[in-house]
N, C-alpha and C. Protein backbone atom coordinates (compact mmCIF):
# COMPACT_ATOMS: atom_id res chain seq x y z
N UNK A 1 34.10 36.08 4.46
CA UNK A 1 32.90 35.35 4.70
C UNK A 1 32.62 34.46 3.48
N UNK A 2 32.24 33.22 3.75
CA UNK A 2 31.94 32.27 2.68
C UNK A 2 30.61 32.60 2.01
N UNK A 3 30.59 32.61 0.70
CA UNK A 3 29.37 32.92 -0.04
C UNK A 3 28.54 31.65 -0.19
N UNK A 4 27.25 31.76 0.06
CA UNK A 4 26.34 30.63 -0.07
C UNK A 4 25.86 30.55 -1.51
N UNK A 5 25.99 29.37 -2.15
CA UNK A 5 25.57 29.27 -3.55
C UNK A 5 24.05 29.39 -3.68
N UNK A 6 23.61 29.87 -4.82
CA UNK A 6 22.19 29.99 -5.11
C UNK A 6 21.62 28.60 -5.33
N UNK A 7 20.50 28.30 -4.69
CA UNK A 7 19.85 27.00 -4.84
C UNK A 7 18.38 27.19 -5.16
N UNK A 8 17.77 26.16 -5.64
CA UNK A 8 16.35 26.19 -5.96
C UNK A 8 15.68 24.99 -5.30
N UNK A 9 14.62 25.24 -4.56
CA UNK A 9 13.85 24.15 -3.97
C UNK A 9 12.84 23.66 -4.99
N UNK A 10 12.82 22.36 -5.22
CA UNK A 10 11.90 21.79 -6.19
C UNK A 10 10.55 21.42 -5.55
N UNK A 11 10.58 21.05 -4.27
CA UNK A 11 9.37 20.68 -3.55
C UNK A 11 9.69 20.57 -2.07
N UNK A 12 8.63 20.52 -1.26
CA UNK A 12 8.80 20.18 0.15
C UNK A 12 8.31 18.74 0.32
N UNK A 13 8.95 18.01 1.20
CA UNK A 13 8.56 16.61 1.41
C UNK A 13 7.15 16.55 1.98
N UNK A 14 6.86 17.40 2.96
CA UNK A 14 5.53 17.40 3.54
C UNK A 14 5.37 18.52 4.54
N UNK A 15 4.12 18.90 4.74
CA UNK A 15 3.81 19.94 5.72
C UNK A 15 2.41 19.67 6.25
N UNK A 16 2.22 19.93 7.53
CA UNK A 16 0.90 19.72 8.12
C UNK A 16 0.61 20.69 9.24
N UNK A 17 -0.23 21.70 8.98
CA UNK A 17 -0.67 22.55 10.08
C UNK A 17 -1.42 21.71 11.12
N UNK A 18 -1.19 22.02 12.38
CA UNK A 18 -1.95 21.36 13.45
C UNK A 18 -3.20 22.20 13.68
N UNK A 19 -4.36 21.55 13.64
CA UNK A 19 -5.62 22.27 13.69
C UNK A 19 -6.39 21.97 14.96
N UNK A 20 -6.98 23.01 15.51
CA UNK A 20 -7.80 22.87 16.72
C UNK A 20 -9.27 22.75 16.33
N UNK A 21 -9.70 23.58 15.39
CA UNK A 21 -11.09 23.55 14.92
C UNK A 21 -11.11 22.86 13.55
N UNK A 22 -11.37 21.57 13.56
CA UNK A 22 -11.26 20.75 12.36
C UNK A 22 -12.16 21.23 11.23
N UNK A 23 -13.42 21.50 11.50
CA UNK A 23 -14.34 21.89 10.43
C UNK A 23 -13.97 23.24 9.83
N UNK A 24 -13.61 24.20 10.67
CA UNK A 24 -13.21 25.51 10.16
C UNK A 24 -11.95 25.39 9.30
N UNK A 25 -11.02 24.55 9.71
CA UNK A 25 -9.79 24.34 8.94
C UNK A 25 -10.08 23.64 7.62
N UNK A 26 -10.96 22.65 7.68
CA UNK A 26 -11.36 21.95 6.45
C UNK A 26 -12.01 22.93 5.47
N UNK A 27 -12.88 23.80 5.98
CA UNK A 27 -13.53 24.80 5.13
C UNK A 27 -12.50 25.73 4.50
N UNK A 28 -11.56 26.20 5.30
CA UNK A 28 -10.55 27.13 4.79
C UNK A 28 -9.70 26.49 3.70
N UNK A 29 -9.06 25.38 4.04
CA UNK A 29 -8.13 24.77 3.10
C UNK A 29 -8.83 24.06 1.95
N UNK A 30 -9.94 23.40 2.24
CA UNK A 30 -10.64 22.64 1.22
C UNK A 30 -11.52 23.47 0.32
N UNK A 31 -12.40 24.24 0.94
CA UNK A 31 -13.34 25.02 0.14
C UNK A 31 -12.75 26.34 -0.36
N UNK A 32 -12.15 27.10 0.52
CA UNK A 32 -11.64 28.41 0.13
C UNK A 32 -10.41 28.30 -0.78
N UNK A 33 -9.49 27.38 -0.47
CA UNK A 33 -8.27 27.24 -1.25
C UNK A 33 -8.36 26.14 -2.31
N UNK A 34 -9.43 25.35 -2.26
CA UNK A 34 -9.64 24.31 -3.27
C UNK A 34 -8.71 23.12 -3.18
N UNK A 35 -8.20 22.82 -2.00
CA UNK A 35 -7.30 21.68 -1.83
C UNK A 35 -8.13 20.41 -1.65
N UNK A 36 -7.92 19.40 -2.51
CA UNK A 36 -8.66 18.15 -2.39
C UNK A 36 -8.04 17.24 -1.33
N UNK A 37 -8.81 16.87 -0.33
CA UNK A 37 -8.29 16.01 0.74
C UNK A 37 -8.90 14.62 0.70
N UNK A 38 -8.12 13.66 1.19
CA UNK A 38 -8.61 12.33 1.53
C UNK A 38 -8.75 12.34 3.04
N UNK A 39 -9.78 11.69 3.56
CA UNK A 39 -9.98 11.68 5.01
C UNK A 39 -9.71 10.29 5.57
N UNK A 40 -8.90 10.24 6.61
CA UNK A 40 -8.61 8.99 7.32
C UNK A 40 -9.43 8.97 8.61
N UNK A 41 -9.37 7.87 9.32
CA UNK A 41 -10.08 7.75 10.60
C UNK A 41 -9.68 8.87 11.56
N UNK A 42 -10.64 9.40 12.26
CA UNK A 42 -10.37 10.41 13.26
C UNK A 42 -10.25 11.82 12.73
N UNK A 43 -10.56 12.04 11.44
CA UNK A 43 -10.54 13.38 10.91
C UNK A 43 -9.22 13.86 10.36
N UNK A 44 -8.26 12.96 10.20
CA UNK A 44 -6.96 13.35 9.61
C UNK A 44 -7.16 13.53 8.11
N UNK A 45 -6.91 14.72 7.61
CA UNK A 45 -7.07 15.03 6.19
C UNK A 45 -5.70 15.18 5.55
N UNK A 46 -5.54 14.59 4.36
CA UNK A 46 -4.25 14.70 3.67
C UNK A 46 -4.46 14.67 2.17
N UNK A 47 -3.43 15.14 1.45
CA UNK A 47 -3.43 15.08 0.00
C UNK A 47 -2.00 14.94 -0.49
N UNK A 48 -1.87 14.23 -1.58
CA UNK A 48 -0.59 14.11 -2.25
C UNK A 48 -0.68 14.77 -3.63
N UNK A 49 -1.72 15.57 -3.85
CA UNK A 49 -1.91 16.18 -5.17
C UNK A 49 -1.75 17.70 -5.16
N UNK A 50 -1.07 18.22 -4.16
CA UNK A 50 -0.82 19.66 -4.08
C UNK A 50 0.53 19.96 -4.71
N UNK A 51 0.54 20.78 -5.74
CA UNK A 51 1.79 21.10 -6.42
C UNK A 51 2.82 21.69 -5.46
N UNK A 52 4.03 21.15 -5.49
CA UNK A 52 5.11 21.66 -4.67
C UNK A 52 5.30 20.95 -3.35
N UNK A 53 4.37 20.05 -3.00
CA UNK A 53 4.48 19.30 -1.74
C UNK A 53 4.18 17.83 -2.01
N UNK A 54 5.06 16.96 -1.55
CA UNK A 54 4.76 15.53 -1.69
C UNK A 54 3.55 15.15 -0.86
N UNK A 55 3.38 15.80 0.28
CA UNK A 55 2.22 15.53 1.14
C UNK A 55 1.86 16.80 1.91
N UNK A 56 0.57 17.04 2.03
CA UNK A 56 0.06 18.16 2.82
C UNK A 56 -1.10 17.61 3.64
N UNK A 57 -1.12 17.91 4.92
CA UNK A 57 -2.14 17.33 5.80
C UNK A 57 -2.61 18.34 6.84
N UNK A 58 -3.83 18.14 7.30
CA UNK A 58 -4.34 18.87 8.45
C UNK A 58 -4.34 17.87 9.60
N UNK A 59 -3.53 18.15 10.60
CA UNK A 59 -3.32 17.22 11.71
C UNK A 59 -4.07 17.73 12.92
N UNK A 60 -5.13 17.03 13.37
CA UNK A 60 -5.86 17.46 14.56
C UNK A 60 -4.94 17.51 15.79
N UNK A 61 -5.14 18.50 16.62
CA UNK A 61 -4.33 18.66 17.83
C UNK A 61 -4.40 17.41 18.70
N UNK A 62 -5.55 16.76 18.76
CA UNK A 62 -5.67 15.54 19.57
C UNK A 62 -4.75 14.44 19.05
N UNK A 63 -4.55 14.36 17.74
CA UNK A 63 -3.62 13.37 17.18
C UNK A 63 -2.18 13.72 17.53
N UNK A 64 -1.84 15.00 17.44
CA UNK A 64 -0.49 15.43 17.81
C UNK A 64 -0.23 15.16 19.29
N UNK A 65 -1.24 15.42 20.10
CA UNK A 65 -1.11 15.17 21.53
C UNK A 65 -0.90 13.68 21.82
N UNK A 66 -1.67 12.85 21.14
CA UNK A 66 -1.53 11.40 21.31
C UNK A 66 -0.14 10.94 20.90
N UNK A 67 0.36 11.49 19.80
CA UNK A 67 1.69 11.13 19.31
C UNK A 67 2.79 11.56 20.27
N UNK A 68 2.65 12.77 20.82
CA UNK A 68 3.71 13.33 21.67
C UNK A 68 3.61 12.89 23.13
N UNK A 69 2.38 12.82 23.66
CA UNK A 69 2.21 12.63 25.11
C UNK A 69 1.39 11.40 25.49
N UNK A 70 0.82 10.70 24.49
CA UNK A 70 0.03 9.51 24.79
C UNK A 70 -1.33 9.83 25.39
N UNK A 71 -1.83 11.04 25.18
CA UNK A 71 -3.13 11.45 25.70
C UNK A 71 -3.84 12.30 24.65
N UNK A 72 -5.16 12.35 24.70
CA UNK A 72 -5.94 13.11 23.72
C UNK A 72 -5.85 14.63 23.95
N UNK A 73 -5.49 15.05 25.15
CA UNK A 73 -5.47 16.48 25.48
C UNK A 73 -4.04 17.01 25.52
N UNK A 74 -3.85 18.17 24.91
CA UNK A 74 -2.54 18.82 24.94
C UNK A 74 -2.31 19.40 26.32
N UNK A 75 -1.13 19.21 26.93
CA UNK A 75 -0.87 19.75 28.27
C UNK A 75 -0.98 21.28 28.29
N UNK A 76 -1.62 21.80 29.31
CA UNK A 76 -1.84 23.25 29.40
C UNK A 76 -0.56 24.04 29.59
N UNK A 77 0.46 23.39 30.15
CA UNK A 77 1.72 24.11 30.41
C UNK A 77 2.71 24.03 29.25
N UNK A 78 2.29 23.46 28.13
CA UNK A 78 3.14 23.33 26.94
C UNK A 78 2.49 24.13 25.81
N UNK A 79 3.24 25.03 25.17
CA UNK A 79 2.66 25.81 24.06
C UNK A 79 2.15 24.89 22.95
N UNK A 80 1.00 25.25 22.39
CA UNK A 80 0.41 24.45 21.32
C UNK A 80 1.20 24.70 20.04
N UNK A 81 1.64 23.62 19.38
CA UNK A 81 2.40 23.79 18.14
C UNK A 81 1.51 24.25 17.00
N UNK A 82 2.11 24.84 16.00
CA UNK A 82 1.36 25.34 14.84
C UNK A 82 1.41 24.37 13.66
N UNK A 83 2.47 23.59 13.54
CA UNK A 83 2.61 22.67 12.41
C UNK A 83 3.54 21.54 12.78
């Protein structure tokens, strides 16, 4: 069996949990964890000042739905993504 060499990750390019309850998520990540966010139109929150991540964002489910399906509502027959 081939041995996998030891590697070290320096950072992640980006990560964004998909959020259903925007205010509760903002409270958790912003207030409880102290993550400073910039807010864009429609409630999209992001930061480029989190150590270890080039970008971290809270992506509203309605935005993900619009991106994937062209509608504000996520289809009921499709599992809701987490990130």
